[in-house]
């Protein structure tokens, strides 16, 4: 390695120059901890307190070119997004997130600042949910792949699954719907504004607190909106053997979203009903449950007339939409 005029070798500029263990040291040096972490990075495995004696666990993968583009999102954005989608799954079970594990595949020629900024994003999003990154692995590969495993604690509550919705229940949502899809549409056409929608696509902001709060309120079924409202409600309908009807007049379609839809020739209601990656929390509640203002009632649970299904204003939703990893991506 050449020596700089100051007598010191230049700092490594790529992952290959830094090396596996150098990269691990660089990533772990950026981490913070929480009281739940008993043993953090640096040993064969981490140890995280589980007072409830039940651990909620989930995992997800982001693949460059499939889930993110480096010309649209910074590494920090990707880190925030990767953490958020897993932390939201924990919250949607009614649990409190406690820890994250990162598995990272990167090309050798990748600049060092990309994985370090990624880790900064993961760490900062974990802190929003009062969780911590406790370990992981790094591997050389041709395509950047970010895999997160999230852990959570139920704190003596029963988990809220997709299978508990009952006819007569209210359907309510908290968080944004359709914002990420609208932002994707903006980015797809080469624009960067309206900024609020672009940022919603780059860095979703799930309402983590709402999951455990919904469990305490008596939610009968719950999920986060990752694949689209209709698609994710379909999982609840199938698991609960019910029909769920969404009332479109109760859905929030901001004026700016309508403006974007008009500009690109898309009905914004399509984004609200089928756009994923906002990670809003949607849940069903007993009909007599008074809900806090943060929850917006958008429909109800009915007994199925035939197969369990999701309807919109009483009719089957017959437009395409929603995300299927082994099908075609939603065309916005």
Protein backbone atom coordinates (compact mmCIF):
# COMPACT_ATOMS: atom_id res chain seq x y z
CA UNK A 1 0.00 0.00 0.00
CA UNK A 2 1.47 3.39 -0.96
CA UNK A 3 2.37 5.79 1.84
CA UNK A 4 0.89 9.29 1.83
CA UNK A 5 3.14 12.37 2.10
CA UNK A 6 2.21 12.59 5.79
CA UNK A 7 3.76 9.17 6.43
CA UNK A 8 0.49 7.28 6.89
CA UNK A 9 -1.11 4.76 4.52
CA UNK A 10 -4.33 6.08 2.96
CA UNK A 11 -7.57 4.96 4.54
CA UNK A 12 -9.18 1.95 2.82
CA UNK A 13 -11.65 3.10 0.17
CA UNK A 14 -13.37 -0.19 -0.67
CA UNK A 15 -14.70 -3.13 1.28
CA UNK A 16 -11.95 -5.33 -0.20
CA UNK A 17 -9.25 -2.99 1.07
CA UNK A 18 -10.81 -2.84 4.53
CA UNK A 19 -11.27 -6.62 4.75
CA UNK A 20 -13.97 -8.70 6.46
CA UNK A 21 -12.85 -8.14 10.04
CA UNK A 22 -12.04 -4.50 9.43
CA UNK A 23 -15.54 -4.01 8.05
CA UNK A 24 -17.07 -5.78 11.06
CA UNK A 25 -15.08 -3.57 13.43
CA UNK A 26 -16.15 -0.47 11.53
CA UNK A 27 -19.82 -1.45 11.58
CA UNK A 28 -19.97 -2.50 15.23
CA UNK A 29 -18.15 0.62 16.36
CA UNK A 30 -21.16 2.65 15.24
CA UNK A 31 -23.70 0.80 17.39
CA UNK A 32 -25.50 1.75 20.57
CA UNK A 33 -27.14 -0.53 23.12
CA UNK A 34 -30.19 -0.80 25.37
CA UNK A 35 -30.83 -2.35 28.81
CA UNK A 36 -32.31 -5.43 27.11
CA UNK A 37 -28.93 -6.30 25.55
CA UNK A 38 -26.95 -8.47 27.97
CA UNK A 39 -24.21 -9.45 25.49
CA UNK A 40 -23.87 -7.49 22.26
CA UNK A 41 -21.67 -7.87 19.15
CA UNK A 42 -18.28 -9.52 19.51
CA UNK A 43 -19.06 -13.00 20.84
CA UNK A 44 -20.37 -16.16 19.17
CA UNK A 45 -23.93 -14.93 19.69
CA UNK A 46 -25.75 -12.10 21.39
CA UNK A 47 -27.84 -12.41 24.53
CA UNK A 48 -31.02 -10.35 24.77
CA UNK A 49 -33.32 -10.30 27.81
CA UNK A 50 -36.75 -11.85 27.26
CA UNK A 51 -38.74 -11.09 30.43
CA UNK A 52 -41.93 -12.48 28.89
CA UNK A 53 -40.17 -15.81 28.13
CA UNK A 54 -41.64 -15.66 24.64
CA UNK A 55 -39.66 -14.10 21.79
CA UNK A 56 -41.34 -12.59 18.75
CA UNK A 57 -39.07 -13.09 15.73
CA UNK A 58 -39.27 -12.00 12.09
CA UNK A 59 -36.91 -11.60 9.14
CA UNK A 60 -36.90 -9.88 5.77
CA UNK A 61 -34.55 -9.33 2.83
CA UNK A 62 -33.85 -6.30 0.62
CA UNK A 63 -32.14 -6.97 -2.70
CA UNK A 64 -30.59 -4.19 -4.77
CA UNK A 65 -32.52 -3.68 -8.00
CA UNK A 66 -35.58 -5.41 -6.57
CA UNK A 67 -36.26 -3.49 -3.37
CA UNK A 68 -34.03 -0.44 -3.64
CA UNK A 69 -31.97 1.53 -6.12
CA UNK A 70 -28.80 3.37 -5.18
CA UNK A 71 -29.65 6.23 -7.56
CA UNK A 72 -32.94 6.74 -5.67
CA UNK A 73 -31.93 6.05 -2.08
CA UNK A 74 -28.81 6.61 -0.01
CA UNK A 75 -27.32 3.80 2.02
CA UNK A 76 -28.69 5.52 5.11
CA UNK A 77 -32.19 5.47 3.57
CA UNK A 78 -31.87 1.76 2.80
CA UNK A 79 -30.80 1.10 6.39
CA UNK A 80 -33.77 2.96 7.82
CA UNK A 81 -36.13 1.12 5.47
CA UNK A 82 -34.64 -2.32 6.15
CA UNK A 83 -34.96 -1.88 9.88
CA UNK A 84 -38.43 -0.32 9.70
CA UNK A 85 -40.06 -3.13 7.76
CA UNK A 86 -38.91 -5.70 10.32
CA UNK A 87 -39.63 -3.62 13.41
CA UNK A 88 -43.14 -3.00 12.05
CA UNK A 89 -43.76 -6.75 11.85
CA UNK A 90 -42.84 -7.10 15.53
CA UNK A 91 -45.13 -4.21 16.50
CA UNK A 92 -47.97 -5.71 14.42
CA UNK A 93 -47.92 -8.75 16.70
CA UNK A 94 -48.53 -6.45 19.66
CA UNK A 95 -44.92 -6.76 20.81
CA UNK A 96 -42.22 -4.25 21.74
CA UNK A 97 -39.09 -4.49 19.51
CA UNK A 98 -35.90 -5.31 21.41
CA UNK A 99 -33.11 -6.26 18.99
CA UNK A 100 -32.01 -6.54 15.36
CA UNK A 101 -29.51 -8.81 13.61
CA UNK A 102 -27.99 -7.87 10.24
CA UNK A 103 -26.80 -10.19 7.48
CA UNK A 104 -25.11 -8.21 4.72
CA UNK A 105 -23.86 -9.27 1.29
CA UNK A 106 -21.71 -6.68 -0.54
CA UNK A 107 -19.40 -6.61 -3.58
CA UNK A 108 -15.69 -6.28 -2.83
CA UNK A 109 -15.41 -3.05 -4.85
CA UNK A 110 -18.20 -1.30 -2.91
CA UNK A 111 -16.99 1.95 -1.29
CA UNK A 112 -16.55 1.56 2.47
CA UNK A 113 -18.88 4.46 3.23
CA UNK A 114 -21.89 2.58 1.79
CA UNK A 115 -22.10 -0.20 4.43
CA UNK A 116 -21.14 2.20 7.23
CA UNK A 117 -23.92 4.61 6.27
CA UNK A 118 -26.29 1.65 5.96
CA UNK A 119 -25.45 0.67 9.53
CA UNK A 120 -26.04 4.24 10.70
CA UNK A 121 -29.53 4.06 9.20
CA UNK A 122 -30.31 0.68 10.77
CA UNK A 123 -29.04 1.88 14.15
CA UNK A 124 -31.03 5.12 14.04
CA UNK A 125 -34.28 3.38 13.05
CA UNK A 126 -33.76 0.81 15.79
CA UNK A 127 -33.39 3.66 18.27
CA UNK A 128 -36.77 5.07 17.19
CA UNK A 129 -38.29 1.78 18.36
CA UNK A 130 -36.03 1.62 21.47
CA UNK A 131 -34.26 -1.45 20.07
CA UNK A 132 -30.58 -2.16 19.33
CA UNK A 133 -28.49 -3.96 16.71
CA UNK A 134 -26.84 -6.89 18.49
CA UNK A 135 -24.91 -8.74 15.78
CA UNK A 136 -24.90 -10.23 12.32
CA UNK A 137 -22.67 -11.35 9.47
CA UNK A 138 -21.02 -9.94 6.34
CA UNK A 139 -20.33 -11.89 3.14
CA UNK A 140 -18.87 -11.01 -0.24
CA UNK A 141 -21.27 -11.28 -3.18
CA UNK A 142 -22.18 -9.74 -6.52
CA UNK A 143 -25.42 -8.03 -5.46
CA UNK A 144 -25.99 -5.94 -2.33
CA UNK A 145 -28.37 -7.89 -0.10
CA UNK A 146 -29.56 -6.66 3.28
CA UNK A 147 -31.28 -9.16 5.57
CA UNK A 148 -32.61 -8.12 8.97
CA UNK A 149 -33.91 -10.33 11.77
CA UNK A 150 -35.92 -8.52 14.44
CA UNK A 151 -36.79 -9.72 17.92
CA UNK A 152 -39.49 -8.46 20.27
CA UNK A 153 -41.02 -8.95 23.70
CA UNK A 154 -44.75 -9.36 24.36
CA UNK A 155 -44.57 -7.93 27.90
CA UNK A 156 -47.21 -10.33 29.23
CA UNK A 157 -49.71 -9.55 26.44
CA UNK A 158 -51.07 -12.25 24.18
CA UNK A 159 -49.84 -11.93 20.57
CA UNK A 160 -52.34 -10.39 18.18
CA UNK A 161 -52.44 -12.63 15.12
CA UNK A 162 -54.22 -12.37 11.79
CA UNK A 163 -56.71 -15.04 12.82
CA UNK A 164 -58.87 -13.36 15.47
CA UNK A 165 -61.16 -10.99 13.52
CA UNK A 166 -64.87 -11.56 14.18
CA UNK A 167 -68.01 -10.46 12.33
CA UNK A 168 -69.11 -7.12 13.76
CA UNK A 169 -65.58 -5.91 14.53
CA UNK A 170 -64.44 -2.45 13.47
CA UNK A 171 -61.59 -2.12 10.99
CA UNK A 172 -59.18 0.71 11.82
CA UNK A 173 -55.80 1.96 10.64
CA UNK A 174 -53.07 4.22 11.97
CA UNK A 175 -50.22 5.53 9.84
CA UNK A 176 -49.95 6.46 6.19
CA UNK A 177 -51.45 4.58 3.25
CA UNK A 178 -50.34 5.04 -0.35
CA UNK A 179 -47.57 7.54 0.37
CA UNK A 180 -44.71 5.20 -0.54
CA UNK A 181 -46.46 4.14 -3.75
CA UNK A 182 -47.02 7.78 -4.72
CA UNK A 183 -43.34 8.48 -4.00
CA UNK A 184 -42.35 5.52 -6.16
CA UNK A 185 -44.44 6.95 -8.98
CA UNK A 186 -42.68 10.31 -8.64
CA UNK A 187 -39.20 8.73 -8.63
CA UNK A 188 -40.08 6.48 -11.58
CA UNK A 189 -40.68 9.56 -13.69
CA UNK A 190 -37.38 11.15 -12.80
CA UNK A 191 -38.67 13.69 -10.27
CA UNK A 192 -37.75 14.24 -6.63
CA UNK A 193 -40.78 16.18 -5.38
CA UNK A 194 -43.23 16.44 -3.69
CA UNK A 195 -40.52 15.60 -1.19
CA UNK A 196 -42.83 14.24 1.53
CA UNK A 197 -43.96 11.38 -0.72
CA UNK A 198 -40.47 10.64 -2.02
CA UNK A 199 -39.17 10.49 1.55
CA UNK A 200 -42.07 8.22 2.53
CA UNK A 201 -40.85 5.76 -0.11
CA UNK A 202 -37.21 6.04 0.94
CA UNK A 203 -37.78 5.96 4.71
CA UNK A 204 -41.16 4.65 5.93
CA UNK A 205 -42.24 5.76 9.41
CA UNK A 206 -44.23 2.92 11.00
CA UNK A 207 -46.19 3.78 14.15
CA UNK A 208 -44.35 1.25 16.34
CA UNK A 209 -46.13 2.31 19.52
CA UNK A 210 -49.50 1.53 17.95
CA UNK A 211 -49.01 -2.26 17.89
CA UNK A 212 -48.63 -2.83 21.64
CA UNK A 213 -51.23 -0.10 22.26
CA UNK A 214 -53.72 -1.91 20.00
CA UNK A 215 -53.10 -5.15 21.88
CA UNK A 216 -53.87 -3.36 25.15
CA UNK A 217 -57.07 -1.97 23.59
CA UNK A 218 -58.29 -5.47 22.77
CA UNK A 219 -57.43 -5.72 19.06
CA UNK A 220 -58.70 -9.03 17.71
CA UNK A 221 -56.46 -9.19 14.61
CA UNK A 222 -53.65 -7.03 13.31
CA UNK A 223 -51.02 -6.66 10.58
CA UNK A 224 -48.79 -4.01 9.11
CA UNK A 225 -49.42 -2.81 5.56
CA UNK A 226 -46.35 -4.00 3.69
CA UNK A 227 -47.85 -5.43 0.50
CA UNK A 228 -50.88 -3.13 0.17
CA UNK A 229 -54.03 -2.61 2.24
CA UNK A 230 -56.28 -4.95 0.24
CA UNK A 231 -53.59 -7.64 0.01
CA UNK A 232 -52.72 -7.54 3.70
CA UNK A 233 -56.37 -7.44 4.78
CA UNK A 234 -56.76 -10.50 2.59
CA UNK A 235 -54.41 -12.35 4.93
CA UNK A 236 -56.59 -11.40 7.91
CA UNK A 237 -59.78 -12.36 6.05
CA UNK A 238 -58.38 -15.77 5.14
CA UNK A 239 -56.91 -16.50 8.57
CA UNK A 240 -60.07 -15.34 10.37
CA UNK A 241 -62.54 -16.86 7.87
CA UNK A 242 -64.41 -13.55 7.48
CA UNK A 243 -65.22 -10.90 4.91
CA UNK A 244 -63.70 -7.47 5.42
CA UNK A 245 -65.33 -4.46 3.80
CA UNK A 246 -63.37 -1.22 3.33
CA UNK A 247 -65.31 2.02 2.96
CA UNK A 248 -63.41 4.13 0.46
CA UNK A 249 -64.98 7.39 1.69
CA UNK A 250 -63.24 6.85 5.04
CA UNK A 251 -59.77 6.58 3.50
CA UNK A 252 -57.47 9.58 3.61
CA UNK A 253 -56.36 10.80 0.17
CA UNK A 254 -54.30 13.98 0.66
CA UNK A 255 -54.68 16.77 -1.89
CA UNK A 256 -51.02 16.47 -2.95
CA UNK A 257 -51.48 12.75 -3.60
CA UNK A 258 -54.45 13.60 -5.82
CA UNK A 259 -52.27 16.11 -7.66
CA UNK A 260 -49.61 13.47 -8.25
CA UNK A 261 -52.25 11.02 -9.45
CA UNK A 262 -53.64 13.57 -11.88
CA UNK A 263 -50.14 14.32 -13.19
CA UNK A 264 -49.28 10.66 -13.84
CA UNK A 265 -52.75 9.43 -14.79
CA UNK A 266 -53.38 7.20 -11.76
CA UNK A 267 -56.38 7.18 -9.46
CA UNK A 268 -54.77 7.92 -6.06
CA UNK A 269 -57.24 5.55 -4.41
CA UNK A 270 -55.33 2.78 -6.18
CA UNK A 271 -52.20 3.74 -4.22
CA UNK A 272 -54.08 3.91 -0.92
CA UNK A 273 -55.68 0.50 -1.42
CA UNK A 274 -52.81 -1.40 -3.03
CA UNK A 275 -49.58 0.52 -2.41
CA UNK A 276 -47.23 -1.22 -0.01
CA UNK A 277 -44.19 -0.31 2.12
CA UNK A 278 -45.84 2.36 4.26
CA UNK A 279 -46.05 -0.10 7.16
CA UNK A 280 -49.15 1.47 8.64
CA UNK A 281 -50.80 -0.72 11.29
CA UNK A 282 -54.29 -2.03 10.51
CA UNK A 283 -56.32 -3.88 13.11
CA UNK A 284 -59.80 -5.10 13.97
CA UNK A 285 -61.46 -4.18 17.27
CA UNK A 286 -64.69 -5.09 19.05
CA UNK A 287 -67.51 -2.83 17.84
CA UNK A 288 -67.97 -1.23 21.26
CA UNK A 289 -64.29 -0.36 21.69
CA UNK A 290 -63.66 3.40 21.82
CA UNK A 291 -60.48 4.07 19.87
CA UNK A 292 -57.96 6.91 20.38
CA UNK A 293 -57.88 9.67 17.77
CA UNK A 294 -54.78 8.21 16.10
CA UNK A 295 -56.92 5.30 14.84
CA UNK A 296 -59.19 5.92 11.83
CA UNK A 297 -62.11 3.53 11.32
CA UNK A 298 -62.15 2.52 7.65
CA UNK A 299 -64.56 -0.40 7.53
CA UNK A 300 -65.91 -3.44 9.30
CA UNK A 301 -65.70 -7.20 9.55
CA UNK A 302 -68.61 -9.23 8.15
CA UNK A 303 -69.54 -12.87 8.01
CA UNK A 304 -68.45 -14.27 4.64
CA UNK A 305 -71.26 -14.81 2.14
CA UNK A 306 -69.05 -17.27 0.26
CA UNK A 307 -65.26 -17.41 0.59
CA UNK A 308 -63.35 -15.13 2.95
CA UNK A 309 -62.49 -12.00 1.00
CA UNK A 310 -61.89 -8.26 1.05
CA UNK A 311 -64.42 -5.95 -0.55
CA UNK A 312 -64.36 -2.21 -1.16
CA UNK A 313 -67.72 -0.46 -0.74
CA UNK A 314 -69.38 -3.87 -0.78
CA UNK A 315 -67.89 -5.05 -4.07
CA UNK A 316 -64.85 -7.24 -4.77
CA UNK A 317 -61.75 -5.21 -5.61
CA UNK A 318 -61.20 -6.13 -9.25
CA UNK A 319 -58.21 -3.94 -10.07
CA UNK A 320 -54.65 -5.21 -9.95
CA UNK A 321 -52.35 -4.18 -7.15
CA UNK A 322 -50.37 -5.37 -4.21
CA UNK A 323 -46.92 -6.88 -4.12
CA UNK A 324 -46.02 -10.47 -5.02
CA UNK A 325 -42.29 -11.31 -4.93
CA UNK A 326 -42.81 -14.11 -7.47
CA UNK A 327 -45.21 -12.18 -9.69
CA UNK A 328 -45.07 -8.87 -11.43
CA UNK A 329 -44.35 -5.75 -9.41
CA UNK A 330 -47.15 -3.26 -9.00
CA UNK A 331 -47.04 -0.90 -11.97
CA UNK A 332 -47.52 2.62 -10.67
